[in-house]
Protein backbone atom coordinates (compact mmCIF):
# COMPACT_ATOMS: atom_id res chain seq x y z
CA MET A 1 -0.23 -0.25 -0.15
CA GLY A 2 1.15 3.35 -1.08
CA LEU A 3 0.19 7.06 -0.46
CA GLU A 4 -1.68 6.92 -3.41
CA ASP A 5 -3.48 4.00 -1.85
CA ILE A 6 -4.96 6.78 0.66
CA VAL A 7 -7.96 8.73 0.29
CA LEU A 8 -7.62 12.25 1.48
CA VAL A 9 -10.82 13.94 2.29
CA GLU A 10 -11.41 17.73 2.73
CA GLY A 11 -14.63 19.02 4.32
CA LEU A 12 -14.31 16.54 7.53
CA CYS A 13 -12.80 17.16 10.79
CA PRO A 14 -9.31 15.51 10.53
CA PRO A 15 -9.46 12.03 12.29
CA PRO A 16 -8.99 12.20 16.36
CA GLU A 17 -6.37 9.10 15.88
CA PRO A 18 -3.92 8.11 14.00
CA TYR A 19 -5.99 6.32 11.09
CA SER A 20 -7.14 6.95 7.53
CA TYR A 21 -10.76 7.88 6.54
CA ALA A 22 -10.70 5.65 3.63
CA ILE A 23 -7.98 3.15 1.44
CA ARG A 24 -8.29 2.36 -1.70
CA ALA A 25 -7.35 -1.54 -2.61
CA GLY A 26 -7.48 -2.26 -6.00
CA ASP A 27 -11.45 -1.61 -6.80
CA THR A 28 -12.38 -1.61 -3.35
CA LEU A 29 -12.72 0.97 -0.84
CA TYR A 30 -12.87 0.39 2.57
CA LEU A 31 -13.99 3.34 4.53
CA ALA A 32 -13.22 3.86 8.58
CA GLY A 33 -16.32 4.40 10.92
CA GLN A 34 -18.27 7.88 10.52
CA VAL A 35 -20.24 9.28 13.46
CA SER A 36 -22.34 12.64 13.26
CA MET A 37 -19.36 14.88 13.46
CA ASN A 38 -19.24 18.46 11.44
CA ALA A 39 -16.52 19.68 10.03
CA ASP A 40 -15.50 21.90 13.36
CA GLY A 41 -16.03 18.11 15.41
CA ASN A 42 -19.00 19.17 17.09
CA VAL A 43 -21.71 15.93 17.41
CA VAL A 44 -24.70 16.51 15.16
CA GLY A 45 -28.19 15.68 16.28
CA GLU A 46 -29.70 14.16 19.23
CA THR A 47 -32.11 11.64 17.63
CA VAL A 48 -30.43 8.90 15.58
CA SER A 49 -32.46 9.82 12.37
CA ALA A 50 -30.89 13.13 12.23
CA GLN A 51 -27.17 11.60 13.65
CA ALA A 52 -27.89 9.01 10.38
CA ARG A 53 -28.50 11.62 7.71
CA GLN A 54 -24.98 13.57 9.50
CA VAL A 55 -23.05 10.22 8.85
CA TRP A 56 -24.48 9.59 5.11
CA LYS A 57 -23.27 12.86 4.16
CA ASN A 58 -19.72 12.37 5.91
CA ILE A 59 -19.94 8.88 4.32
CA SER A 60 -20.84 10.30 0.89
CA SER A 61 -18.25 12.89 1.35
CA VAL A 62 -15.45 10.24 1.78
CA LEU A 63 -16.45 8.36 -1.41
CA ALA A 64 -16.94 11.56 -3.59
CA ALA A 65 -12.99 12.18 -2.34
CA ALA A 66 -12.43 8.87 -3.50
CA GLY A 67 -14.41 9.27 -6.97
CA SER A 68 -16.87 6.81 -5.88
CA SER A 69 -20.53 7.15 -4.47
CA ILE A 70 -22.99 5.88 -2.74
CA ALA A 71 -24.32 3.82 -5.91
CA ASP A 72 -20.95 1.43 -5.21
CA VAL A 73 -21.50 0.84 -1.43
CA VAL A 74 -21.76 -3.39 -0.76
CA LYS A 75 -21.31 -3.38 2.72
CA VAL A 76 -22.50 -1.46 5.47
CA THR A 77 -22.07 -2.46 9.28
CA TYR A 78 -23.74 -0.56 12.12
CA TYR A 79 -22.46 0.06 15.41
CA MET A 80 -25.76 1.31 17.30
CA GLN A 81 -25.77 2.62 21.07
CA ASP A 82 -29.23 1.01 21.16
CA ILE A 83 -30.47 -1.66 18.51
CA ARG A 84 -33.74 -1.08 19.45
CA GLU A 85 -33.33 2.33 17.29
CA ILE A 86 -32.72 0.78 14.27
CA ALA A 87 -36.31 1.35 12.25
CA ASP A 88 -34.94 5.17 12.30
CA GLU A 89 -31.88 4.16 10.81
CA ILE A 90 -33.81 2.03 8.56
CA GLN A 91 -36.07 4.72 7.22
CA VAL A 92 -32.95 7.40 6.41
CA ARG A 93 -31.08 4.40 4.72
CA LYS A 94 -34.23 4.08 2.35
CA GLU A 95 -33.86 7.92 1.45
CA VAL A 96 -29.91 7.30 0.98
CA PHE A 97 -29.97 4.49 -1.31
CA ALA A 98 -33.36 5.00 -2.89
CA GLY A 99 -33.51 3.54 -6.53
CA ARG A 100 -30.31 1.84 -5.38
CA PRO A 101 -29.74 -1.64 -4.85
CA TYR A 102 -29.54 -2.06 -1.21
CA PRO A 103 -26.20 -3.13 0.29
CA ALA A 104 -25.36 -5.92 2.35
CA VAL A 105 -26.19 -4.75 6.15
CA THR A 106 -24.96 -5.68 9.43
CA ALA A 107 -25.82 -3.70 12.59
CA ILE A 108 -24.01 -4.49 16.31
CA GLN A 109 -25.15 -2.75 19.74
CA VAL A 110 -21.89 -1.60 21.21
CA ALA A 111 -21.63 -0.75 24.88
CA ALA A 112 -20.37 2.76 23.90
CA LEU A 113 -19.30 4.80 21.10
CA GLY A 114 -16.19 7.25 21.15
CA LEU A 115 -17.35 10.54 22.10
CA GLN A 116 -20.52 11.32 24.62
CA GLY A 117 -23.77 11.30 22.50
CA LEU A 118 -22.87 9.43 19.65
CA LYS A 119 -25.65 7.17 18.65
CA MET A 120 -24.06 5.70 16.05
CA GLU A 121 -21.07 4.77 14.03
CA VAL A 122 -21.37 2.98 10.77
CA ASP A 123 -18.71 1.86 8.22
CA VAL A 124 -18.55 0.96 4.56
CA ILE A 125 -16.92 -0.92 1.40
CA ALA A 126 -17.83 0.11 -1.73
CA VAL A 127 -16.55 -1.37 -4.96
CA THR A 128 -16.01 0.55 -8.41
CA THR A 129 -13.88 -0.07 -11.49
CA TYR A 130 -11.96 1.98 -12.99
CA GLY A 131 -10.44 1.58 -16.65
């Protein structure tokens, strides 16, 4: 892996610890987990729906920086503070993927997330063909 495989993203707050927002391996993009933080590093939203919208906005920014889009997402993993709130996230996901095939999804309940007030973290894998 070289520096050309690391996806640089403008408009997101810098990662709070040493990691890359995305890495390209061939035609596959592996995105680090995204939470509902804005460019200033503040948590956006108090509900799962509001946080999910910010998370998908962040994911879209990372994908765009890699020359990709939501249409290329094949796998989504959700880490939920309270899995009973997944229905609210599903509604947002239906909006995000409207008119597109739904990706494979895994949802996991976790004991805690990195910042106070976070309700979810989402990571995705996207596959694209360049040529």
